[in-house]
Amino acid sequence: MTSGLVAEALRRVPLPAAVIEVQPPNGRTLVNFDTNFFTAAGDLDRTITLLGQQVDLQISAASYTWVFGDGQSLQTTSPGAAYPQLDVTHRYLGAGEVEVRVDVTYTAQFSVEGGPFAPVPGSVTVAGGPEPLQVVEARPTLVG
């Protein structure tokens, strides 16, 4: 069994699209405010059969590409984290509607019939589903 054959099979393994989480929640954020992003996408184990042999895959989330919907993006090795950690943030400079998403690039190792693990060449990137986000400008109000 060649690693190239396993690499082709890995591209056919259904991998889940990452769901992006945004803070503040409820689909709204403020202009000039650090908006926090994170996802739960991570490592996976899968077993497939190739040429009649059991192949175990250890699939790792190697990188995350955060697409902020305003022409900016960021690549990290972190899935981000919920507040107060603020691992992945973005500051929008203008108001409007944007669509945000996170794409995950996976790498893998494989084992044939319980043998030692070896790296699978290449990677597979799964695009996340877009989530709408409304960027609004705060309006100061005097109260007395």
N, C-alpha and C. Protein backbone atom coordinates (compact mmCIF):
# COMPACT_ATOMS: atom_id res chain seq x y z
N MET A 1 0.85 -1.17 0.00
CA MET A 1 0.00 0.00 0.00
C MET A 1 0.90 1.23 0.00
N THR A 2 0.66 2.14 -0.92
CA THR A 2 1.50 3.34 -1.02
C THR A 2 0.84 4.51 -0.30
N SER A 3 1.66 5.43 0.15
CA SER A 3 1.13 6.62 0.81
C SER A 3 0.33 7.47 -0.17
N GLY A 4 0.69 7.43 -1.46
CA GLY A 4 -0.05 8.18 -2.47
C GLY A 4 -1.48 7.66 -2.61
N LEU A 5 -1.65 6.34 -2.54
CA LEU A 5 -2.99 5.74 -2.61
C LEU A 5 -3.81 6.17 -1.40
N VAL A 6 -3.18 6.22 -0.23
CA VAL A 6 -3.87 6.65 0.98
C VAL A 6 -4.23 8.14 0.88
N ALA A 7 -3.33 8.95 0.28
CA ALA A 7 -3.61 10.38 0.11
C ALA A 7 -4.84 10.59 -0.77
N GLU A 8 -4.96 9.81 -1.85
CA GLU A 8 -6.14 9.89 -2.71
C GLU A 8 -7.40 9.50 -1.93
N ALA A 9 -7.30 8.47 -1.12
CA ALA A 9 -8.45 8.01 -0.33
C ALA A 9 -8.84 9.06 0.71
N LEU A 10 -7.84 9.72 1.31
CA LEU A 10 -8.13 10.75 2.31
C LEU A 10 -8.98 11.87 1.71
N ARG A 11 -8.72 12.23 0.46
CA ARG A 11 -9.50 13.29 -0.19
C ARG A 11 -10.97 12.89 -0.37
N ARG A 12 -11.26 11.59 -0.33
CA ARG A 12 -12.64 11.12 -0.47
C ARG A 12 -13.33 10.87 0.87
N VAL A 13 -12.58 10.90 1.96
CA VAL A 13 -13.17 10.70 3.29
C VAL A 13 -14.00 11.94 3.64
N PRO A 14 -15.28 11.75 3.99
CA PRO A 14 -16.07 12.93 4.35
C PRO A 14 -15.59 13.53 5.68
N LEU A 15 -15.08 14.74 5.60
CA LEU A 15 -14.62 15.44 6.79
C LEU A 15 -15.60 16.57 7.08
N PRO A 16 -15.91 16.80 8.34
CA PRO A 16 -16.92 17.83 8.66
C PRO A 16 -16.41 19.24 8.42
N ALA A 17 -17.31 20.08 7.94
CA ALA A 17 -16.99 21.51 7.81
C ALA A 17 -17.03 22.12 9.21
N ALA A 18 -16.13 23.03 9.46
CA ALA A 18 -16.07 23.69 10.76
C ALA A 18 -17.22 24.68 10.90
N VAL A 19 -17.75 24.77 12.08
CA VAL A 19 -18.77 25.77 12.41
C VAL A 19 -18.07 26.90 13.15
N ILE A 20 -18.21 28.10 12.63
CA ILE A 20 -17.55 29.25 13.25
C ILE A 20 -18.44 29.82 14.36
N GLU A 21 -17.82 30.14 15.48
CA GLU A 21 -18.51 30.78 16.60
C GLU A 21 -17.99 32.21 16.69
N VAL A 22 -18.89 33.15 16.94
CA VAL A 22 -18.54 34.56 16.98
C VAL A 22 -18.99 35.14 18.31
N GLN A 23 -18.11 35.96 18.91
CA GLN A 23 -18.47 36.69 20.13
C GLN A 23 -18.15 38.16 19.91
N PRO A 24 -19.09 39.07 20.09
CA PRO A 24 -20.37 38.87 20.74
C PRO A 24 -21.31 38.00 19.89
N PRO A 25 -22.25 37.31 20.56
CA PRO A 25 -23.16 36.40 19.85
C PRO A 25 -24.31 37.14 19.17
N ASN A 26 -25.22 36.37 18.61
CA ASN A 26 -26.46 36.86 18.00
C ASN A 26 -26.26 37.59 16.68
N GLY A 27 -25.12 37.33 16.00
CA GLY A 27 -24.94 37.84 14.65
C GLY A 27 -24.67 39.31 14.51
N ARG A 28 -24.22 39.97 15.60
CA ARG A 28 -23.91 41.40 15.54
C ARG A 28 -22.61 41.69 16.28
N THR A 29 -21.87 42.65 15.74
CA THR A 29 -20.66 43.14 16.40
C THR A 29 -20.53 44.63 16.10
N LEU A 30 -19.55 45.24 16.71
CA LEU A 30 -19.37 46.70 16.58
C LEU A 30 -18.14 47.04 15.73
N VAL A 31 -18.23 48.16 15.04
CA VAL A 31 -17.08 48.74 14.35
C VAL A 31 -16.02 49.07 15.39
N ASN A 32 -14.76 48.85 15.04
CA ASN A 32 -13.60 49.16 15.90
C ASN A 32 -13.64 48.43 17.24
N PHE A 33 -14.16 47.22 17.23
CA PHE A 33 -14.28 46.39 18.43
C PHE A 33 -13.63 45.04 18.11
N ASP A 34 -12.85 44.48 19.02
CA ASP A 34 -12.25 43.16 18.78
C ASP A 34 -13.33 42.09 18.83
N THR A 35 -13.67 41.56 17.67
CA THR A 35 -14.65 40.47 17.58
C THR A 35 -13.89 39.16 17.71
N ASN A 36 -14.37 38.27 18.56
CA ASN A 36 -13.70 37.01 18.85
C ASN A 36 -14.28 35.88 18.00
N PHE A 37 -13.40 35.01 17.48
CA PHE A 37 -13.81 33.88 16.65
C PHE A 37 -13.18 32.60 17.20
N PHE A 38 -13.95 31.51 17.11
CA PHE A 38 -13.40 30.20 17.48
C PHE A 38 -14.24 29.10 16.85
N THR A 39 -13.72 27.87 16.88
CA THR A 39 -14.43 26.72 16.35
C THR A 39 -14.08 25.50 17.19
N ALA A 40 -14.93 24.49 17.11
CA ALA A 40 -14.67 23.24 17.83
C ALA A 40 -14.00 22.21 16.93
N ALA A 41 -13.74 22.55 15.66
CA ALA A 41 -13.12 21.59 14.73
C ALA A 41 -11.76 21.17 15.26
N GLY A 42 -11.48 19.89 15.19
CA GLY A 42 -10.21 19.40 15.70
C GLY A 42 -9.83 18.09 15.07
N ASP A 43 -9.18 17.25 15.84
CA ASP A 43 -8.65 15.99 15.34
C ASP A 43 -9.73 14.92 15.24
N LEU A 44 -9.52 14.00 14.29
CA LEU A 44 -10.48 12.93 14.02
C LEU A 44 -9.74 11.62 13.79
N ASP A 45 -10.41 10.52 14.07
CA ASP A 45 -9.91 9.19 13.71
C ASP A 45 -10.92 8.56 12.78
N ARG A 46 -10.45 7.97 11.69
CA ARG A 46 -11.32 7.28 10.75
C ARG A 46 -10.65 5.97 10.36
N THR A 47 -11.48 4.98 10.03
CA THR A 47 -10.99 3.70 9.51
C THR A 47 -11.64 3.47 8.16
N ILE A 48 -10.80 3.16 7.16
CA ILE A 48 -11.30 2.89 5.82
C ILE A 48 -10.72 1.55 5.36
N THR A 49 -11.26 1.02 4.29
CA THR A 49 -10.73 -0.20 3.70
C THR A 49 -10.19 0.14 2.32
N LEU A 50 -8.92 -0.19 2.10
CA LEU A 50 -8.27 0.03 0.81
C LEU A 50 -7.65 -1.28 0.35
N LEU A 51 -7.96 -1.68 -0.86
CA LEU A 51 -7.43 -2.93 -1.42
C LEU A 51 -7.61 -4.10 -0.46
N GLY A 52 -8.77 -4.11 0.23
CA GLY A 52 -9.10 -5.19 1.14
C GLY A 52 -8.38 -5.13 2.48
N GLN A 53 -7.66 -4.06 2.75
CA GLN A 53 -6.93 -3.93 4.01
C GLN A 53 -7.49 -2.79 4.83
N GLN A 54 -7.48 -2.98 6.16
CA GLN A 54 -7.95 -1.94 7.07
C GLN A 54 -6.86 -0.89 7.22
N VAL A 55 -7.27 0.37 6.98
CA VAL A 55 -6.34 1.50 7.11
C VAL A 55 -6.92 2.45 8.15
N ASP A 56 -6.16 2.67 9.22
CA ASP A 56 -6.56 3.61 10.26
C ASP A 56 -5.93 4.97 9.95
N LEU A 57 -6.75 6.00 10.03
CA LEU A 57 -6.30 7.37 9.78
C LEU A 57 -6.39 8.19 11.06
N GLN A 58 -5.31 8.85 11.41
CA GLN A 58 -5.32 9.85 12.48
C GLN A 58 -5.23 11.20 11.77
N ILE A 59 -6.36 11.91 11.76
CA ILE A 59 -6.48 13.15 10.99
C ILE A 59 -6.39 14.32 11.96
N SER A 60 -5.50 15.26 11.65
CA SER A 60 -5.26 16.39 12.54
C SER A 60 -5.59 17.70 11.84
N ALA A 61 -6.22 18.60 12.58
CA ALA A 61 -6.45 19.96 12.08
C ALA A 61 -5.11 20.69 12.17
N ALA A 62 -4.48 20.91 11.02
CA ALA A 62 -3.15 21.51 10.98
C ALA A 62 -3.20 23.03 10.98
N SER A 63 -4.22 23.59 10.31
CA SER A 63 -4.34 25.05 10.28
C SER A 63 -5.78 25.46 10.03
N TYR A 64 -6.04 26.70 10.39
CA TYR A 64 -7.37 27.29 10.26
C TYR A 64 -7.22 28.60 9.49
N THR A 65 -8.04 28.77 8.46
CA THR A 65 -8.04 30.04 7.73
C THR A 65 -9.35 30.74 8.04
N TRP A 66 -9.23 31.86 8.72
CA TRP A 66 -10.38 32.65 9.16
C TRP A 66 -10.67 33.69 8.08
N VAL A 67 -11.85 33.64 7.50
CA VAL A 67 -12.26 34.58 6.46
C VAL A 67 -13.28 35.52 7.09
N PHE A 68 -12.93 36.80 7.18
CA PHE A 68 -13.73 37.76 7.95
C PHE A 68 -14.79 38.49 7.14
N GLY A 69 -14.82 38.30 5.83
CA GLY A 69 -15.90 38.85 5.02
C GLY A 69 -15.70 40.28 4.58
N ASP A 70 -14.62 40.91 5.00
CA ASP A 70 -14.34 42.30 4.61
C ASP A 70 -13.07 42.39 3.77
N GLY A 71 -12.69 41.26 3.16
CA GLY A 71 -11.47 41.21 2.37
C GLY A 71 -10.25 40.79 3.17
N GLN A 72 -10.39 40.64 4.48
CA GLN A 72 -9.28 40.24 5.34
C GLN A 72 -9.44 38.77 5.75
N SER A 73 -8.31 38.10 5.92
CA SER A 73 -8.31 36.73 6.43
C SER A 73 -7.06 36.53 7.28
N LEU A 74 -7.05 35.44 8.01
CA LEU A 74 -5.95 35.15 8.92
C LEU A 74 -5.78 33.64 8.99
N GLN A 75 -4.54 33.16 8.89
CA GLN A 75 -4.28 31.73 9.04
C GLN A 75 -3.59 31.49 10.38
N THR A 76 -4.12 30.51 11.13
CA THR A 76 -3.55 30.18 12.44
C THR A 76 -3.46 28.66 12.59
N THR A 77 -2.76 28.23 13.61
CA THR A 77 -2.77 26.82 13.99
C THR A 77 -3.70 26.60 15.17
N SER A 78 -4.34 27.67 15.61
CA SER A 78 -5.23 27.63 16.77
C SER A 78 -6.69 27.62 16.32
N PRO A 79 -7.54 26.82 16.99
CA PRO A 79 -8.97 26.87 16.69
C PRO A 79 -9.66 28.05 17.37
N GLY A 80 -8.87 28.93 17.99
CA GLY A 80 -9.45 30.03 18.74
C GLY A 80 -9.99 29.54 20.06
N ALA A 81 -10.60 30.43 20.82
CA ALA A 81 -11.14 30.07 22.12
C ALA A 81 -12.21 31.08 22.51
N ALA A 82 -13.10 30.64 23.37
CA ALA A 82 -14.16 31.51 23.86
C ALA A 82 -13.57 32.60 24.77
N TYR A 83 -14.31 33.69 24.90
CA TYR A 83 -13.95 34.78 25.80
C TYR A 83 -13.74 34.21 27.20
N PRO A 84 -12.73 34.58 27.91
CA PRO A 84 -11.89 35.77 27.74
C PRO A 84 -10.57 35.52 27.03
N GLN A 85 -10.36 34.34 26.46
CA GLN A 85 -9.04 34.02 25.91
C GLN A 85 -8.65 34.86 24.69
N LEU A 86 -9.56 35.12 23.75
CA LEU A 86 -9.32 36.00 22.61
C LEU A 86 -8.09 35.60 21.78
N ASP A 87 -8.03 34.34 21.34
CA ASP A 87 -6.92 33.87 20.50
C ASP A 87 -7.02 34.39 19.07
N VAL A 88 -8.23 34.45 18.53
CA VAL A 88 -8.44 34.89 17.15
C VAL A 88 -9.45 36.03 17.16
N THR A 89 -8.99 37.23 16.87
CA THR A 89 -9.89 38.38 16.85
C THR A 89 -9.72 39.15 15.55
N HIS A 90 -10.74 39.94 15.24
CA HIS A 90 -10.68 40.82 14.07
C HIS A 90 -11.43 42.10 14.41
N ARG A 91 -10.91 43.21 13.92
CA ARG A 91 -11.52 44.52 14.15
C ARG A 91 -12.04 45.03 12.80
N TYR A 92 -13.36 45.19 12.71
CA TYR A 92 -13.98 45.72 11.49
C TYR A 92 -13.88 47.23 11.51
N LEU A 93 -13.54 47.83 10.35
CA LEU A 93 -13.34 49.26 10.27
C LEU A 93 -14.55 50.02 9.76
N GLY A 94 -15.55 49.29 9.27
CA GLY A 94 -16.75 49.94 8.76
C GLY A 94 -17.97 49.08 9.00
N ALA A 95 -19.13 49.73 9.00
CA ALA A 95 -20.40 49.03 9.23
C ALA A 95 -20.83 48.32 7.95
N GLY A 96 -21.66 47.28 8.12
CA GLY A 96 -22.20 46.56 6.98
C GLY A 96 -22.45 45.09 7.30
N GLU A 97 -22.95 44.38 6.30
CA GLU A 97 -23.19 42.94 6.41
C GLU A 97 -21.99 42.21 5.83
N VAL A 98 -21.49 41.21 6.55
CA VAL A 98 -20.40 40.37 6.06
C VAL A 98 -20.78 38.91 6.29
N GLU A 99 -20.09 38.03 5.59
CA GLU A 99 -20.21 36.60 5.85
C GLU A 99 -18.85 36.10 6.31
N VAL A 100 -18.82 35.43 7.45
CA VAL A 100 -17.57 34.92 8.02
C VAL A 100 -17.57 33.40 7.93
N ARG A 101 -16.37 32.82 7.88
CA ARG A 101 -16.25 31.37 7.88
C ARG A 101 -14.84 31.00 8.31
N VAL A 102 -14.68 29.72 8.65
CA VAL A 102 -13.35 29.20 8.94
C VAL A 102 -13.16 27.93 8.12
N ASP A 103 -12.07 27.90 7.36
CA ASP A 103 -11.69 26.73 6.58
C ASP A 103 -10.61 25.98 7.36
N VAL A 104 -10.73 24.66 7.40
CA VAL A 104 -9.78 23.85 8.17
C VAL A 104 -8.95 23.01 7.20
N THR A 105 -7.63 23.04 7.37
CA THR A 105 -6.72 22.21 6.60
C THR A 105 -6.28 21.05 7.47
N TYR A 106 -6.55 19.84 6.98
CA TYR A 106 -6.24 18.62 7.72
C TYR A 106 -5.02 17.93 7.12
N THR A 107 -4.19 17.36 8.00
CA THR A 107 -3.13 16.44 7.60
C THR A 107 -3.42 15.13 8.31
N ALA A 108 -2.72 14.07 7.90
CA ALA A 108 -3.04 12.76 8.49
C ALA A 108 -1.83 11.85 8.54
N GLN A 109 -1.97 10.83 9.38
CA GLN A 109 -1.07 9.70 9.44
C GLN A 109 -1.91 8.46 9.20
N PHE A 110 -1.29 7.39 8.68
CA PHE A 110 -2.04 6.16 8.43
C PHE A 110 -1.28 4.94 8.92
N SER A 111 -2.06 3.93 9.24
CA SER A 111 -1.53 2.63 9.67
C SER A 111 -2.30 1.56 8.91
N VAL A 112 -1.59 0.60 8.34
CA VAL A 112 -2.22 -0.50 7.61
C VAL A 112 -2.22 -1.74 8.49
N GLU A 113 -3.41 -2.26 8.74
CA GLU A 113 -3.58 -3.50 9.51
C GLU A 113 -2.85 -3.45 10.86
N GLY A 114 -2.91 -2.31 11.54
CA GLY A 114 -2.33 -2.18 12.87
C GLY A 114 -0.83 -1.97 12.90
N GLY A 115 -0.22 -1.74 11.75
CA GLY A 115 1.22 -1.49 11.69
C GLY A 115 1.56 -0.09 12.18
N PRO A 116 2.83 0.30 12.00
CA PRO A 116 3.26 1.63 12.46
C PRO A 116 2.60 2.74 11.62
N PHE A 117 2.45 3.89 12.24
CA PHE A 117 1.86 5.03 11.53
C PHE A 117 2.92 5.72 10.69
N ALA A 118 2.48 6.20 9.52
CA ALA A 118 3.34 6.94 8.60
C ALA A 118 2.55 8.15 8.11
N PRO A 119 3.24 9.22 7.74
CA PRO A 119 2.52 10.41 7.29
C PRO A 119 1.87 10.21 5.92
N VAL A 120 0.70 10.79 5.77
CA VAL A 120 0.03 10.84 4.47
C VAL A 120 0.53 12.11 3.78
N PRO A 121 1.02 12.01 2.54
CA PRO A 121 1.50 13.23 1.88
C PRO A 121 0.36 14.19 1.56
N GLY A 122 0.66 15.48 1.64
CA GLY A 122 -0.33 16.50 1.30
C GLY A 122 -1.29 16.79 2.42
N SER A 123 -2.35 17.51 2.07
CA SER A 123 -3.36 17.91 3.04
C SER A 123 -4.70 18.05 2.33
N VAL A 124 -5.75 18.19 3.12
CA VAL A 124 -7.10 18.39 2.61
C VAL A 124 -7.69 19.59 3.33
N THR A 125 -8.23 20.55 2.56
CA THR A 125 -8.86 21.72 3.15
C THR A 125 -10.37 21.63 2.97
N VAL A 126 -11.10 21.81 4.07
CA VAL A 126 -12.56 21.78 4.05
C VAL A 126 -13.05 23.19 4.38
N ALA A 127 -13.81 23.76 3.44
CA ALA A 127 -14.34 25.11 3.63
C ALA A 127 -15.49 25.07 4.62
N GLY A 128 -15.50 26.00 5.54
CA GLY A 128 -16.59 26.12 6.50
C GLY A 128 -17.79 26.82 5.87
N GLY A 129 -18.94 26.59 6.45
CA GLY A 129 -20.14 27.25 5.98
C GLY A 129 -20.15 28.71 6.37
N PRO A 130 -20.62 29.59 5.49
CA PRO A 130 -20.63 31.02 5.82
C PRO A 130 -21.71 31.35 6.85
N GLU A 131 -21.38 32.27 7.73
CA GLU A 131 -22.32 32.77 8.74
C GLU A 131 -22.46 34.26 8.57
N PRO A 132 -23.68 34.77 8.52
CA PRO A 132 -23.85 36.22 8.39
C PRO A 132 -23.49 36.94 9.69
N LEU A 133 -22.90 38.11 9.53
CA LEU A 133 -22.54 38.94 10.67
C LEU A 133 -22.82 40.39 10.31
N GLN A 134 -23.55 41.05 11.16
CA GLN A 134 -23.86 42.46 10.95
C GLN A 134 -22.91 43.29 11.80
N VAL A 135 -22.17 44.17 11.14
CA VAL A 135 -21.24 45.06 11.82
C VAL A 135 -21.93 46.42 11.92
N VAL A 136 -22.16 46.86 13.17
CA VAL A 136 -22.89 48.10 13.38
C VAL A 136 -22.02 49.12 14.10
N GLU A 137 -22.37 50.38 13.91
CA GLU A 137 -21.66 51.46 14.58
C GLU A 137 -22.42 51.86 15.83
N ALA A 138 -21.72 51.94 16.92
CA ALA A 138 -22.35 52.35 18.18
C ALA A 138 -22.64 53.83 18.13
N ARG A 139 -23.77 54.21 18.64
CA ARG A 139 -24.17 55.63 18.68
C ARG A 139 -24.21 56.06 20.16
N PRO A 140 -23.39 57.04 20.51
CA PRO A 140 -23.40 57.50 21.91
C PRO A 140 -24.71 58.22 22.23
N THR A 141 -25.21 57.99 23.41
CA THR A 141 -26.44 58.63 23.86
C THR A 141 -26.20 59.21 25.25
N LEU A 142 -26.52 60.49 25.39
CA LEU A 142 -26.40 61.11 26.71
C LEU A 142 -27.67 60.82 27.52
N VAL A 143 -27.46 60.39 28.73
CA VAL A 143 -28.60 60.15 29.63
C VAL A 143 -28.37 60.96 30.88
N GLY A 144 -29.44 61.32 31.52
CA GLY A 144 -29.25 62.20 32.67
C GLY A 144 -30.00 61.80 33.87
